[in-house]
Every structure is written in structure tokens, then in C-alpha cells.
Protein backbone atom coordinates (compact mmCIF):
# COMPACT_ATOMS: atom_id res chain seq x y z
CA UNK A 1 -0.20 0.96 16.85
CA UNK A 2 0.12 2.76 20.18
CA UNK A 3 2.07 0.67 22.70
CA UNK A 4 -0.53 1.03 25.48
CA UNK A 5 -3.36 -0.43 23.41
CA UNK A 6 -3.69 -4.20 23.78
CA UNK A 7 -4.06 -6.00 20.47
CA UNK A 8 -6.72 -8.56 21.35
CA UNK A 9 -8.48 -9.13 18.03
CA UNK A 10 -7.20 -11.17 15.11
CA UNK A 11 -7.42 -10.38 11.39
CA UNK A 12 -6.41 -12.99 8.86
CA UNK A 13 -5.40 -12.20 5.30
CA UNK A 14 -4.64 -14.26 2.22
CA UNK A 15 -2.23 -12.86 -0.36
CA UNK A 16 -0.36 -14.04 -3.42
CA UNK A 17 3.29 -14.95 -2.94
CA UNK A 18 4.49 -11.78 -4.76
CA UNK A 19 2.21 -9.62 -2.60
CA UNK A 20 3.50 -11.27 0.58
CA UNK A 21 7.08 -10.85 -0.55
CA UNK A 22 6.50 -7.16 -1.20
CA UNK A 23 4.85 -6.70 2.21
CA UNK A 24 7.76 -8.48 3.89
CA UNK A 25 10.25 -6.27 2.08
CA UNK A 26 8.38 -3.09 3.00
CA UNK A 27 8.12 -4.20 6.63
CA UNK A 28 11.85 -4.93 6.78
CA UNK A 29 12.64 -1.52 5.29
CA UNK A 30 10.41 0.12 7.92
CA UNK A 31 11.98 -2.05 10.65
CA UNK A 32 8.55 -3.42 11.58
CA UNK A 33 6.77 -6.74 11.57
CA UNK A 34 4.50 -7.45 8.63
CA UNK A 35 1.52 -7.23 10.98
CA UNK A 36 2.56 -3.86 12.37
CA UNK A 37 3.34 -2.47 8.93
CA UNK A 38 0.08 -3.66 7.37
CA UNK A 39 -2.02 -2.60 10.37
CA UNK A 40 -0.51 0.88 10.52
CA UNK A 41 -0.96 1.41 6.79
CA UNK A 42 -4.51 0.08 6.72
CA UNK A 43 -5.59 2.07 9.77
CA UNK A 44 -4.48 5.26 8.03
CA UNK A 45 -6.36 4.22 4.90
CA UNK A 46 -9.45 3.25 6.91
CA UNK A 47 -9.49 6.65 8.63
CA UNK A 48 -9.24 8.37 5.23
CA UNK A 49 -12.09 6.24 3.86
CA UNK A 50 -14.34 6.95 6.85
CA UNK A 51 -13.55 10.67 6.72
CA UNK A 52 -14.25 10.76 3.00
CA UNK A 53 -17.59 8.99 3.47
CA UNK A 54 -18.63 11.59 6.07
CA UNK A 55 -17.65 14.61 3.98
CA UNK A 56 -19.36 16.10 0.99
CA UNK A 57 -18.31 18.87 -1.34
CA UNK A 58 -20.67 21.33 -2.94
CA UNK A 59 -20.23 23.55 -5.94
CA UNK A 60 -20.18 27.26 -5.08
CA UNK A 61 -23.80 27.82 -6.12
CA UNK A 62 -25.02 24.78 -4.16
CA UNK A 63 -22.97 25.83 -1.15
CA UNK A 64 -24.55 29.28 -1.17
CA UNK A 65 -28.04 27.76 -1.40
CA UNK A 66 -27.28 25.36 1.46
CA UNK A 67 -25.93 28.13 3.69
CA UNK A 68 -28.94 30.31 2.90
CA UNK A 69 -31.32 27.48 3.79
CA UNK A 70 -29.71 26.75 7.16
CA UNK A 71 -29.28 30.43 7.97
CA UNK A 72 -33.00 31.15 7.75
CA UNK A 73 -34.97 27.96 8.27
CA UNK A 74 -38.75 28.02 7.81
CA UNK A 75 -41.04 28.18 10.83
CA UNK A 76 -41.86 24.73 12.23
CA UNK A 77 -45.14 23.30 10.98
CA UNK A 78 -47.76 21.55 13.08
CA UNK A 79 -46.29 18.07 12.56
CA UNK A 80 -42.81 19.19 13.58
CA UNK A 81 -44.11 20.93 16.71
CA UNK A 82 -46.09 17.80 17.61
CA UNK A 83 -42.99 15.63 17.08
CA UNK A 84 -40.87 17.76 19.41
CA UNK A 85 -43.67 17.89 21.98
CA UNK A 86 -43.43 14.11 22.43
CA UNK A 87 -41.60 13.02 25.57
CA UNK A 88 -39.47 10.45 23.71
CA UNK A 89 -39.21 11.53 20.08
């Protein structure tokens, strides 16, 4: 965690004795506290998870169809024009 960010929220975690022992060993090897080691590792994993949930992959054929659709969208219909004409859509 960046030194200038104040850690002001608490997270509690229950683990088996072997899991705790392993975390303690890993933290010692990294010259960190268990909290710092776990937090750093889980923040990286959380960022990966969030990124993965916001990304989608298309097959080549689907990608071409998607790009074609957004490259030449249809003309707006009456309902869409009415929606955008509202002051607070």
C-alpha cells in the first residue's frame, strides 16, 4: 500500500492454522507484515477481477459484426429522438 494513503478501514479474516502459517511465512520472506502482504496480494487480484469483469472478448466474426454495427449505426427513430429531446433524460 502506498505510504501516503491512510489505512482507516478494517478487514477481518478467519483462516485455518496451516493457512495462517503459510501467510506468515510468505510475509516474512517478503519482509512485510501479514496484513501488508495479504492486502497487497489481494488488491492486485481484485484489480484483475474487476478488469476481467469489464472486458469481453469476441470471436473474429463477432468482432467484425460489432465493428460494422458501431461504424454505421441506423438513423434514430422517433422514440430515440423524443428521449434525447427531454431536458433530463
